[in-house]
Amino acid sequence: MTTGRVEPDEVAAARPVVRVGAPTERRNPHSLDLDLMSTREVLTVINEADRRVPGAVAAVLDEIAETVDLAVAALRGGHRVHYFGAGTSGRLGVLDAAELAPTFNSPRHWFCAHLAGGPEAMWRAVEDAEDDERTGAAEATDCVRPGDLVVGLAASGRTPYVLGALAASRAQGAATVLLCANPEADAASSVDVFIGVDTGPEVVTGSTRMKAGTAQKLVLNTFSTAVMVRLGRVYSNLMIDMVATNAKLRGRMISILMEATGCAEEVCQAVLHEADGDLKTALVSLVSGAEVAAARAALARSADQVRGALALLAS
């Protein structure tokens, strides 16, 4: 008797299958005997493969620079930067966005990370989430606004969730970027900036948490750090927008002031205390020689930019 109940093997057979031709899906000739190697040999093969990554990232610095400029323009205009990704790529986007507020005290709404399958997908694969182009488009339509920057993260360059989000974001009037490990991705022509990092086949075939993931983390770290530098959240090479939430960070504030000004520790502590713990105000006061109140006023007149405040006080 037919019950109409669909058996698990029938469900599996009915699901779509896509064979991806991205470089990350090809066999790596240097790791064909990986399971027969000693532990030390396995580590050596992985390490030698990883050496390719910095050079691959160096080859796309012009494209990363374009993306930085788009992000700076968006944020200065009161807009946002969005990351849309799935799997490893999406998780690395979440990580990069999450680290910016603690590191640079940037407003939490500046960088928004969207992961196929939602928060649950940080810990486990959510079935078919990355294949859902309509969900990606719907999420972008809900949250992306004209003037925003949207960065799609997809190792293969073809993830439907990501491409759906990018297409909807373009329709919303946002600038779009695709970051992937497939320099020949078909979607390259449909975004404002295409960053195709050529990391080649993975040591474990298709495991994009390896070289492709390492390259993506390098690109995202480079991109977001440069954005913070361009927005004045770094003075020289020192973090100056940090918030001291523990003893280590309070000590780092004093070290930053000493490094930036050459003043003695006790002087830096006194001025930082007078500035109510505001590192930027103390820095401007110490570098310019101005009173704390004057330093605070100069920062307010220069949109909280240290270099601008110093120029005002010097004029």
C-alpha atoms as a PDB file:
ATOM      1  CA  MET A   1       0.000   0.000   0.000  1.00  0.00           C
ATOM      2  CA  THR A   2       1.262   3.470  -0.864  1.00  0.00           C
ATOM      3  CA  THR A   3       1.218   5.802   2.120  1.00  0.00           C
ATOM      4  CA  GLY A   4       2.383   8.946   0.314  1.00  0.00           C
ATOM      5  CA  ARG A   5       5.145   9.284   2.886  1.00  0.00           C
ATOM      6  CA  VAL A   6       8.459  10.416   1.358  1.00  0.00           C
ATOM      7  CA  GLU A   7      11.368   8.279   2.510  1.00  0.00           C
ATOM      8  CA  PRO A   8      14.710   9.915   3.429  1.00  0.00           C
ATOM      9  CA  ASP A   9      16.515   8.496   0.391  1.00  0.00           C
ATOM     10  CA  GLU A  10      13.768   9.868  -1.857  1.00  0.00           C
ATOM     11  CA  VAL A  11      14.145  13.305  -0.276  1.00  0.00           C
ATOM     12  CA  ALA A  12      17.889  13.220  -0.845  1.00  0.00           C
ATOM     13  CA  ALA A  13      17.413  12.165  -4.457  1.00  0.00           C
ATOM     14  CA  ALA A  14      15.021  15.063  -5.053  1.00  0.00           C
ATOM     15  CA  ARG A  15      17.437  17.716  -3.818  1.00  0.00           C
ATOM     16  CA  PRO A  16      19.334  19.687  -6.485  1.00  0.00           C
ATOM     17  CA  VAL A  17      22.993  18.847  -7.055  1.00  0.00           C
ATOM     18  CA  VAL A  18      25.543  21.355  -8.323  1.00  0.00           C
ATOM     19  CA  ARG A  19      29.091  20.469  -9.316  1.00  0.00           C
ATOM     20  CA  VAL A  20      31.214  23.554  -8.711  1.00  0.00           C
ATOM     21  CA  GLY A  21      34.201  24.200 -10.954  1.00  0.00           C
ATOM     22  CA  ALA A  22      35.928  26.706  -8.679  1.00  0.00           C
ATOM     23  CA  PRO A  23      39.698  26.286  -8.094  1.00  0.00           C
ATOM     24  CA  THR A  24      39.024  25.342  -4.456  1.00  0.00           C
ATOM     25  CA  GLU A  25      37.202  22.200  -5.655  1.00  0.00           C
ATOM     26  CA  ARG A  26      40.144  20.858  -7.655  1.00  0.00           C
ATOM     27  CA  ARG A  27      42.614  18.243  -6.389  1.00  0.00           C
ATOM     28  CA  ASN A  28      45.908  19.572  -5.060  1.00  0.00           C
ATOM     29  CA  PRO A  29      48.734  17.500  -6.583  1.00  0.00           C
ATOM     30  CA  HIS A  30      50.967  18.128  -3.559  1.00  0.00           C
ATOM     31  CA  SER A  31      48.577  16.467  -1.103  1.00  0.00           C
ATOM     32  CA  LEU A  32      47.392  13.373  -2.995  1.00  0.00           C
ATOM     33  CA  ASP A  33      48.976  11.067  -0.398  1.00  0.00           C
ATOM     34  CA  LEU A  34      47.941  13.187   2.574  1.00  0.00           C
ATOM     35  CA  ASP A  35      46.392  10.299   4.510  1.00  0.00           C
ATOM     36  CA  LEU A  36      49.603   8.249   4.136  1.00  0.00           C
ATOM     37  CA  MET A  37      51.937  10.957   5.418  1.00  0.00           C
ATOM     38  CA  SER A  38      53.418  11.324   8.869  1.00  0.00           C
ATOM     39  CA  THR A  39      52.060  14.075  11.107  1.00  0.00           C
ATOM     40  CA  ARG A  40      55.110  16.231  10.374  1.00  0.00           C
ATOM     41  CA  GLU A  41      54.695  15.724   6.633  1.00  0.00           C
ATOM     42  CA  VAL A  42      51.021  16.702   6.784  1.00  0.00           C
ATOM     43  CA  LEU A  43      51.916  19.903   8.634  1.00  0.00           C
ATOM     44  CA  THR A  44      54.662  20.678   6.130  1.00  0.00           C
ATOM     45  CA  VAL A  45      52.314  20.303   3.154  1.00  0.00           C
ATOM     46  CA  ILE A  46      49.740  22.580   4.785  1.00  0.00           C
ATOM     47  CA  ASN A  47      52.357  25.169   5.729  1.00  0.00           C
ATOM     48  CA  GLU A  48      53.871  25.228   2.246  1.00  0.00           C
ATOM     49  CA  ALA A  49      50.417  25.692   0.733  1.00  0.00           C
ATOM     50  CA  ASP A  50      49.637  28.526   3.151  1.00  0.00           C
ATOM     51  CA  ARG A  51      52.699  30.438   1.936  1.00  0.00           C
ATOM     52  CA  ARG A  52      50.834  31.158  -1.270  1.00  0.00           C
ATOM     53  CA  VAL A  53      48.159  33.180   0.463  1.00  0.00           C
ATOM     54  CA  PRO A  54      49.941  36.516   1.206  1.00  0.00           C
ATOM     55  CA  GLY A  55      51.102  36.768  -2.401  1.00  0.00           C
ATOM     56  CA  ALA A  56      47.589  36.076  -3.661  1.00  0.00           C
ATOM     57  CA  VAL A  57      46.251  38.855  -1.433  1.00  0.00           C
ATOM     58  CA  ALA A  58      49.008  41.231  -2.599  1.00  0.00           C
ATOM     59  CA  ALA A  59      47.798  40.743  -6.164  1.00  0.00           C
ATOM     60  CA  VAL A  60      44.376  42.241  -5.344  1.00  0.00           C
ATOM     61  CA  LEU A  61      45.445  45.259  -3.254  1.00  0.00           C
ATOM     62  CA  ASP A  62      44.143  47.699  -5.886  1.00  0.00           C
ATOM     63  CA  GLU A  63      40.685  46.154  -5.620  1.00  0.00           C
ATOM     64  CA  ILE A  64      40.836  46.194  -1.827  1.00  0.00           C
ATOM     65  CA  ALA A  65      41.797  49.894  -1.969  1.00  0.00           C
ATOM     66  CA  GLU A  66      38.716  50.615  -4.119  1.00  0.00           C
ATOM     67  CA  THR A  67      36.585  48.819  -1.544  1.00  0.00           C
ATOM     68  CA  VAL A  68      38.128  50.814   1.318  1.00  0.00           C
ATOM     69  CA  ASP A  69      37.338  54.088  -0.450  1.00  0.00           C
ATOM     70  CA  LEU A  70      33.739  52.988  -1.043  1.00  0.00           C
ATOM     71  CA  ALA A  71      33.363  52.042   2.629  1.00  0.00           C
ATOM     72  CA  VAL A  72      34.840  55.317   3.886  1.00  0.00           C
ATOM     73  CA  ALA A  73      32.510  57.291   1.628  1.00  0.00           C
ATOM     74  CA  ALA A  74      29.528  55.263   2.831  1.00  0.00           C
ATOM     75  CA  LEU A  75      30.325  55.620   6.532  1.00  0.00           C
ATOM     76  CA  ARG A  76      31.127  59.332   6.253  1.00  0.00           C
ATOM     77  CA  GLY A  77      27.771  59.757   4.567  1.00  0.00           C
ATOM     78  CA  GLY A  78      25.936  58.155   7.474  1.00  0.00           C
ATOM     79  CA  HIS A  79      25.486  54.790   5.753  1.00  0.00           C
ATOM     80  CA  ARG A  80      26.610  51.245   6.603  1.00  0.00           C
ATOM     81  CA  VAL A  81      28.815  48.387   5.433  1.00  0.00           C
ATOM     82  CA  HIS A  82      27.192  44.947   5.126  1.00  0.00           C
ATOM     83  CA  TYR A  83      28.813  41.519   4.855  1.00  0.00           C
ATOM     84  CA  PHE A  84      26.687  38.740   3.319  1.00  0.00           C
ATOM     85  CA  GLY A  85      28.170  35.243   3.435  1.00  0.00           C
ATOM     86  CA  ALA A  86      27.556  31.546   4.004  1.00  0.00           C
ATOM     87  CA  GLY A  87      29.528  28.794   5.733  1.00  0.00           C
ATOM     88  CA  THR A  88      33.167  29.614   6.470  1.00  0.00           C
ATOM     89  CA  SER A  89      32.977  32.834   4.454  1.00  0.00           C
ATOM     90  CA  GLY A  90      29.959  34.051   6.393  1.00  0.00           C
ATOM     91  CA  ARG A  91      31.491  33.150   9.754  1.00  0.00           C
ATOM     92  CA  LEU A  92      34.656  35.088   8.936  1.00  0.00           C
ATOM     93  CA  GLY A  93      32.508  38.079   8.024  1.00  0.00           C
ATOM     94  CA  VAL A  94      30.783  37.868  11.404  1.00  0.00           C
ATOM     95  CA  LEU A  95      34.185  37.673  13.123  1.00  0.00           C
ATOM     96  CA  ASP A  96      35.576  40.724  11.331  1.00  0.00           C
ATOM     97  CA  ALA A  97      32.497  42.832  12.045  1.00  0.00           C
ATOM     98  CA  ALA A  98      32.413  41.722  15.688  1.00  0.00           C
ATOM     99  CA  GLU A  99      36.021  42.741  16.329  1.00  0.00           C
ATOM    100  CA  LEU A 100      35.745  46.332  15.134  1.00  0.00           C
ATOM    101  CA  ALA A 101      33.771  47.840  18.006  1.00  0.00           C
ATOM    102  CA  PRO A 102      36.066  46.413  20.742  1.00  0.00           C
ATOM    103  CA  THR A 103      39.217  47.346  18.803  1.00  0.00           C
ATOM    104  CA  PHE A 104      38.337  50.775  17.424  1.00  0.00           C
ATOM    105  CA  ASN A 105      35.260  51.734  19.460  1.00  0.00           C
ATOM    106  CA  SER A 106      33.400  52.075  16.165  1.00  0.00           C
ATOM    107  CA  PRO A 107      29.604  52.374  16.284  1.00  0.00           C
ATOM    108  CA  ARG A 108      28.133  48.886  16.255  1.00  0.00           C
ATOM    109  CA  HIS A 109      25.822  49.710  13.343  1.00  0.00           C
ATOM    110  CA  TRP A 110      28.688  50.620  10.989  1.00  0.00           C
ATOM    111  CA  PHE A 111      29.447  47.008  10.011  1.00  0.00           C
ATOM    112  CA  CYS A 112      26.563  44.542   9.764  1.00  0.00           C
ATOM    113  CA  ALA A 113      27.198  40.832   9.178  1.00  0.00           C
ATOM    114  CA  HIS A 114      24.526  38.596   7.629  1.00  0.00           C
ATOM    115  CA  LEU A 115      25.036  34.828   7.732  1.00  0.00           C
ATOM    116  CA  ALA A 116      23.022  32.354   5.657  1.00  0.00           C
ATOM    117  CA  GLY A 117      20.990  30.308   8.118  1.00  0.00           C
ATOM    118  CA  GLY A 118      21.155  32.970  10.844  1.00  0.00           C
ATOM    119  CA  PRO A 119      23.068  32.850  14.157  1.00  0.00           C
ATOM    120  CA  GLU A 120      22.613  29.076  14.439  1.00  0.00           C
ATOM    121  CA  ALA A 121      24.835  28.676  11.369  1.00  0.00           C
ATOM    122  CA  MET A 122      27.832  29.951  13.356  1.00  0.00           C
ATOM    123  CA  TRP A 123      28.003  26.539  15.049  1.00  0.00           C
ATOM    124  CA  ARG A 124      26.623  24.072  12.548  1.00  0.00           C
ATOM    125  CA  ALA A 125      25.692  23.800   8.886  1.00  0.00           C
ATOM    126  CA  VAL A 126      22.102  24.874   8.277  1.00  0.00           C
ATOM    127  CA  GLU A 127      20.733  22.677   5.527  1.00  0.00           C
ATOM    128  CA  ASP A 128      20.431  24.345   2.089  1.00  0.00           C
ATOM    129  CA  ALA A 129      20.699  27.855   3.602  1.00  0.00           C
ATOM    130  CA  GLU A 130      23.442  28.951   1.231  1.00  0.00           C
ATOM    131  CA  ASP A 131      21.377  27.779  -1.778  1.00  0.00           C
ATOM    132  CA  ASP A 132      18.484  30.090  -0.887  1.00  0.00           C
ATOM    133  CA  GLU A 133      18.837  33.014  -3.261  1.00  0.00           C
ATOM    134  CA  ARG A 134      15.437  34.430  -2.322  1.00  0.00           C
ATOM    135  CA  THR A 135      16.320  34.649   1.377  1.00  0.00           C
ATOM    136  CA  GLY A 136      19.535  36.514   0.575  1.00  0.00           C
ATOM    137  CA  ALA A 137      17.589  38.942  -1.591  1.00  0.00           C
ATOM    138  CA  ALA A 138      14.881  39.395   1.028  1.00  0.00           C
ATOM    139  CA  GLU A 139      17.389  40.085   3.816  1.00  0.00           C
ATOM    140  CA  ALA A 140      19.167  42.667   1.675  1.00  0.00           C
ATOM    141  CA  THR A 141      15.896  44.317   0.679  1.00  0.00           C
ATOM    142  CA  ASP A 142      14.936  44.591   4.363  1.00  0.00           C
ATOM    143  CA  CYS A 143      18.154  46.155   5.658  1.00  0.00           C
ATOM    144  CA  VAL A 144      20.255  47.630   2.832  1.00  0.00           C
ATOM    145  CA  ARG A 145      19.680  51.273   1.949  1.00  0.00           C
ATOM    146  CA  PRO A 146      20.891  53.562  -0.862  1.00  0.00           C
ATOM    147  CA  GLY A 147      24.456  54.676  -0.142  1.00  0.00           C
ATOM    148  CA  ASP A 148      25.396  51.537   1.798  1.00  0.00           C
ATOM    149  CA  LEU A 149      28.252  49.238   0.769  1.00  0.00           C
ATOM    150  CA  VAL A 150      27.528  45.523   0.496  1.00  0.00           C
ATOM    151  CA  VAL A 151      30.374  42.978   0.435  1.00  0.00           C
ATOM    152  CA  GLY A 152      29.467  39.460  -0.671  1.00  0.00           C
ATOM    153  CA  LEU A 153      31.644  36.666   0.729  1.00  0.00           C
ATOM    154  CA  ALA A 154      31.686  33.377  -1.197  1.00  0.00           C
ATOM    155  CA  ALA A 155      34.724  31.155  -1.719  1.00  0.00           C
ATOM    156  CA  SER A 156      33.318  29.753  -4.967  1.00  0.00           C
ATOM    157  CA  GLY A 157      31.968  33.083  -6.193  1.00  0.00           C
ATOM    158  CA  ARG A 158      28.597  31.466  -6.966  1.00  0.00           C
ATOM    159  CA  THR A 159      26.764  31.015  -3.646  1.00  0.00           C
ATOM    160  CA  PRO A 160      23.063  31.745  -4.385  1.00  0.00           C
ATOM    161  CA  TYR A 161      22.347  33.358  -0.981  1.00  0.00           C
ATOM    162  CA  VAL A 162      25.211  35.809  -1.542  1.00  0.00           C
ATOM    163  CA  LEU A 163      24.419  36.544  -5.182  1.00  0.00           C
ATOM    164  CA  GLY A 164      20.769  37.118  -4.293  1.00  0.00           C
ATOM    165  CA  ALA A 165      21.804  39.631  -1.631  1.00  0.00           C
ATOM    166  CA  LEU A 166      24.154  41.424  -4.031  1.00  0.00           C
ATOM    167  CA  ALA A 167      21.507  41.691  -6.756  1.00  0.00           C
ATOM    168  CA  ALA A 168      18.915  43.056  -4.329  1.00  0.00           C
ATOM    169  CA  SER A 169      21.475  45.479  -2.873  1.00  0.00           C
ATOM    170  CA  ARG A 170      22.232  46.882  -6.319  1.00  0.00           C
ATOM    171  CA  ALA A 171      18.501  47.369  -6.830  1.00  0.00           C
ATOM    172  CA  GLN A 172      18.412  49.260  -3.510  1.00  0.00           C
ATOM    173  CA  GLY A 173      21.102  51.671  -4.733  1.00  0.00           C
ATOM    174  CA  ALA A 174      24.008  50.263  -2.730  1.00  0.00           C
ATOM    175  CA  ALA A 175      27.570  49.771  -3.994  1.00  0.00           C
ATOM    176  CA  THR A 176      28.512  46.094  -4.246  1.00  0.00           C
ATOM    177  CA  VAL A 177      31.695  44.035  -3.873  1.00  0.00           C
ATOM    178  CA  LEU A 178      32.269  40.300  -4.284  1.00  0.00           C
ATOM    179  CA  LEU A 179      35.184  38.686  -2.437  1.00  0.00           C
ATOM    180  CA  CYS A 180      35.923  35.098  -3.451  1.00  0.00           C
ATOM    181  CA  ALA A 181      38.664  32.561  -4.180  1.00  0.00           C
ATOM    182  CA  ASN A 182      37.653  32.114  -7.815  1.00  0.00           C
ATOM    183  CA  PRO A 183      39.244  34.708 -10.135  1.00  0.00           C
ATOM    184  CA  GLU A 184      37.032  33.468 -12.988  1.00  0.00           C
ATOM    185  CA  ALA A 185      33.701  33.793 -11.177  1.00  0.00           C
ATOM    186  CA  ASP A 186      30.822  34.612 -13.520  1.00  0.00           C
ATOM    187  CA  ALA A 187      29.477  37.183 -11.074  1.00  0.00           C
ATOM    188  CA  ALA A 188      32.580  39.379 -11.446  1.00  0.00           C
ATOM    189  CA  SER A 189      30.891  41.577 -14.023  1.00  0.00           C
ATOM    190  CA  SER A 190      27.782  42.198 -11.931  1.00  0.00           C
ATOM    191  CA  VAL A 191      29.411  44.045  -8.998  1.00  0.00           C
ATOM    192  CA  ASP A 192      31.181  47.377  -8.631  1.00  0.00           C
ATOM    193  CA  VAL A 193      34.381  45.781  -7.352  1.00  0.00           C
ATOM    194  CA  PHE A 194      35.447  42.173  -7.803  1.00  0.00           C
ATOM    195  CA  ILE A 195      38.141  40.718  -5.512  1.00  0.00           C
ATOM    196  CA  GLY A 196      39.095  37.294  -6.828  1.00  0.00           C
ATOM    197  CA  VAL A 197      41.945  35.926  -4.726  1.00  0.00           C
ATOM    198  CA  ASP A 198      43.803  33.127  -6.538  1.00  0.00           C
ATOM    199  CA  THR A 199      44.624  30.706  -3.718  1.00  0.00           C
ATOM    200  CA  GLY A 200      44.324  27.593  -5.883  1.00  0.00           C
ATOM    201  CA  PRO A 201      43.286  24.056  -4.836  1.00  0.00           C
ATOM    202  CA  GLU A 202      43.043  23.291  -1.129  1.00  0.00           C
ATOM    203  CA  VAL A 203      45.233  20.714   0.626  1.00  0.00           C
ATOM    204  CA  VAL A 204      41.997  18.947   1.573  1.00  0.00           C
ATOM    205  CA  THR A 205      39.917  19.234  -1.588  1.00  0.00           C
ATOM    206  CA  GLY A 206      37.049  21.694  -1.206  1.00  0.00           C
ATOM    207  CA  SER A 207      37.889  22.631   2.393  1.00  0.00           C
ATOM    208  CA  THR A 208      37.688  26.388   2.011  1.00  0.00           C
ATOM    209  CA  ARG A 209      38.294  26.939   5.726  1.00  0.00           C
ATOM    210  CA  MET A 210      41.955  26.510   4.758  1.00  0.00           C
ATOM    211  CA  LYS A 211      43.721  28.741   2.164  1.00  0.00           C
ATOM    212  CA  ALA A 212      40.566  30.395   0.871  1.00  0.00           C
ATOM    213  CA  GLY A 213      39.462  31.189   4.429  1.00  0.00           C
ATOM    214  CA  THR A 214      42.917  32.449   5.397  1.00  0.00           C
ATOM    215  CA  ALA A 215      42.953  34.731   2.360  1.00  0.00           C
ATOM    216  CA  GLN A 216      39.490  36.043   3.181  1.00  0.00           C
ATOM    217  CA  LYS A 217      40.490  36.822   6.756  1.00  0.00           C
ATOM    218  CA  LEU A 218      43.587  38.663   5.527  1.00  0.00           C
ATOM    219  CA  VAL A 219      41.528  40.667   3.039  1.00  0.00           C
ATOM    220  CA  LEU A 220      38.830  41.535   5.582  1.00  0.00           C
ATOM    221  CA  ASN A 221      41.382  42.478   8.265  1.00  0.00           C
ATOM    222  CA  THR A 222      43.266  44.612   5.748  1.00  0.00           C
ATOM    223  CA  PHE A 223      40.079  46.219   4.466  1.00  0.00           C
ATOM    224  CA  SER A 224      38.413  47.036   7.779  1.00  0.00           C
ATOM    225  CA  THR A 225      41.636  48.202   9.450  1.00  0.00           C
ATOM    226  CA  ALA A 226      42.373  50.537   6.536  1.00  0.00           C
ATOM    227  CA  VAL A 227      38.826  51.892   6.791  1.00  0.00           C
ATOM    228  CA  MET A 228      39.378  52.688  10.476  1.00  0.00           C
ATOM    229  CA  VAL A 229      42.709  54.368   9.676  1.00  0.00           C
ATOM    230  CA  ARG A 230      41.105  56.507   6.964  1.00  0.00           C
ATOM    231  CA  LEU A 231      38.341  57.503   9.382  1.00  0.00           C
ATOM    232  CA  GLY A 232      40.858  58.827  11.906  1.00  0.00           C
ATOM    233  CA  ARG A 233      40.588  56.071  14.497  1.00  0.00           C
ATOM    234  CA  VAL A 234      44.355  55.601  14.455  1.00  0.00           C
ATOM    235  CA  TYR A 235      47.035  58.212  15.231  1.00  0.00           C
ATOM    236  CA  SER A 236      50.426  57.281  13.786  1.00  0.00           C
ATOM    237  CA  ASN A 237      50.101  53.497  14.235  1.00  0.00           C
ATOM    238  CA  LEU A 238      48.379  53.706  17.613  1.00  0.00           C
ATOM    239  CA  MET A 239      44.765  52.814  18.471  1.00  0.00           C
ATOM    240  CA  ILE A 240      43.220  55.968  19.883  1.00  0.00           C
ATOM    241  CA  ASP A 241      39.505  55.164  19.908  1.00  0.00           C
ATOM    242  CA  MET A 242      39.720  52.294  22.341  1.00  0.00           C
ATOM    243  CA  VAL A 243      37.615  52.003  25.472  1.00  0.00           C
ATOM    244  CA  ALA A 244      39.398  50.815  28.614  1.00  0.00           C
ATOM    245  CA  THR A 245      37.195  48.029  29.948  1.00  0.00           C
ATOM    246  CA  ASN A 246      39.882  46.191  31.944  1.00  0.00           C
ATOM    247  CA  ALA A 247      43.247  46.718  33.634  1.00  0.00           C
ATOM    248  CA  LYS A 248      45.245  45.690  30.545  1.00  0.00           C
ATOM    249  CA  LEU A 249      43.483  48.229  28.354  1.00  0.00           C
ATOM    250  CA  ARG A 250      43.837  50.982  30.959  1.00  0.00           C
ATOM    251  CA  GLY A 251      47.559  50.260  30.940  1.00  0.00           C
ATOM    252  CA  ARG A 252      47.576  50.316  27.137  1.00  0.00           C
ATOM    253  CA  MET A 253      46.045  53.806  27.193  1.00  0.00           C
ATOM    254  CA  ILE A 254      48.943  55.090  29.267  1.00  0.00           C
ATOM    255  CA  SER A 255      51.435  53.329  26.988  1.00  0.00           C
ATOM    256  CA  ILE A 256      49.824  54.889  23.909  1.00  0.00           C
ATOM    257  CA  LEU A 257      50.058  58.366  25.410  1.00  0.00           C
ATOM    258  CA  MET A 258      53.690  57.826  26.373  1.00  0.00           C
ATOM    259  CA  GLU A 259      54.566  56.500  22.914  1.00  0.00           C
ATOM    260  CA  ALA A 260      52.742  59.288  21.086  1.00  0.00           C
ATOM    261  CA  THR A 261      53.980  62.206  23.192  1.00  0.00           C
ATOM    262  CA  GLY A 262      57.227  61.183  24.855  1.00  0.00           C
ATOM    263  CA  CYS A 263      55.800  62.349  28.180  1.00  0.00           C
ATOM    264  CA  ALA A 264      56.471  60.591  31.467  1.00  0.00           C
ATOM    265  CA  GLU A 265      53.987  58.041  32.773  1.00  0.00           C
ATOM    266  CA  GLU A 266      52.839  60.176  35.678  1.00  0.00           C
ATOM    267  CA  VAL A 267      52.173  63.134  33.354  1.00  0.00           C
ATOM    268  CA  CYS A 268      50.125  60.953  31.001  1.00  0.00           C
ATOM    269  CA  GLN A 269      48.143  59.518  33.905  1.00  0.00           C
ATOM    270  CA  ALA A 270      47.375  62.977  35.261  1.00  0.00           C
ATOM    271  CA  VAL A 271      46.178  64.391  31.924  1.00  0.00           C
ATOM    272  CA  LEU A 272      44.142  61.259  31.139  1.00  0.00           C
ATOM    273  CA  HIS A 273      42.474  61.569  34.553  1.00  0.00           C
ATOM    274  CA  GLU A 274      41.750  65.263  33.908  1.00  0.00           C
ATOM    275  CA  ALA A 275      40.242  64.273  30.547  1.00  0.00           C
ATOM    276  CA  ASP A 276      37.901  61.847  32.331  1.00  0.00           C
ATOM    277  CA  GLY A 277      39.601  58.876  30.699  1.00  0.00           C
ATOM    278  CA  ASP A 278      39.096  60.164  27.147  1.00  0.00           C
ATOM    279  CA  LEU A 279      42.232  59.071  25.291  1.00  0.00           C
ATOM    280  CA  LYS A 280      41.796  61.388  22.307  1.00  0.00           C
ATOM    281  CA  THR A 281      41.318  64.466  24.460  1.00  0.00           C
ATOM    282  CA  ALA A 282      44.373  63.631  26.562  1.00  0.00           C
ATOM    283  CA  LEU A 283      46.427  62.975  23.412  1.00  0.00           C
ATOM    284  CA  VAL A 284      45.496  66.285  21.787  1.00  0.00           C
ATOM    285  CA  SER A 285      46.200  68.134  25.020  1.00  0.00           C
ATOM    286  CA  LEU A 286      49.622  66.540  25.472  1.00  0.00           C
ATOM    287  CA  VAL A 287      50.733  66.890  21.843  1.00  0.00           C
ATOM    288  CA  SER A 288      49.532  70.490  21.436  1.00  0.00           C
ATOM    289  CA  GLY A 289      50.247  71.745  24.931  1.00  0.00           C
ATOM    290  CA  ALA A 290      46.675  73.055  25.150  1.00  0.00           C
ATOM    291  CA  GLU A 291      44.478  72.786  28.198  1.00  0.00           C
ATOM    292  CA  VAL A 292      42.182  69.758  28.327  1.00  0.00           C
ATOM    293  CA  ALA A 293      39.085  71.921  27.790  1.00  0.00           C
ATOM    294  CA  ALA A 294      40.616  73.479  24.666  1.00  0.00           C
ATOM    295  CA  ALA A 295      41.609  70.032  23.365  1.00  0.00           C
ATOM    296  CA  ARG A 296      38.066  68.751  23.881  1.00  0.00           C
ATOM    297  CA  ALA A 297      36.607  71.756  22.057  1.00  0.00           C
ATOM    298  CA  ALA A 298      39.013  71.340  19.144  1.00  0.00           C
ATOM    299  CA  LEU A 299      38.021  67.693  18.778  1.00  0.00           C
ATOM    300  CA  ALA A 300      34.355  68.674  18.732  1.00  0.00           C
ATOM    301  CA  ARG A 301      35.024  71.227  15.974  1.00  0.00           C
ATOM    302  CA  SER A 302      36.976  68.699  13.885  1.00  0.00           C
ATOM    303  CA  ALA A 303      34.469  65.824  13.961  1.00  0.00           C
ATOM    304  CA  ASP A 304      36.537  64.031  16.628  1.00  0.00           C
ATOM    305  CA  GLN A 305      39.615  63.810  14.372  1.00  0.00           C
ATOM    306  CA  VAL A 306      42.943  64.127  16.213  1.00  0.00           C
ATOM    307  CA  ARG A 307      44.900  65.469  13.241  1.00  0.00           C
ATOM    308  CA  GLY A 308      42.171  68.028  12.562  1.00  0.00           C
ATOM    309  CA  ALA A 309      42.060  69.124  16.204  1.00  0.00           C
ATOM    310  CA  LEU A 310      45.825  69.551  16.300  1.00  0.00           C
ATOM    311  CA  ALA A 311      45.700  71.655  13.127  1.00  0.00           C
ATOM    312  CA  LEU A 312      43.029  73.895  14.662  1.00  0.00           C
ATOM    313  CA  LEU A 313      45.065  74.400  17.824  1.00  0.00           C
ATOM    314  CA  ALA A 314      48.194  75.170  15.819  1.00  0.00           C
ATOM    315  CA  SER A 315      46.506  77.803  13.651  1.00  0.00           C
END
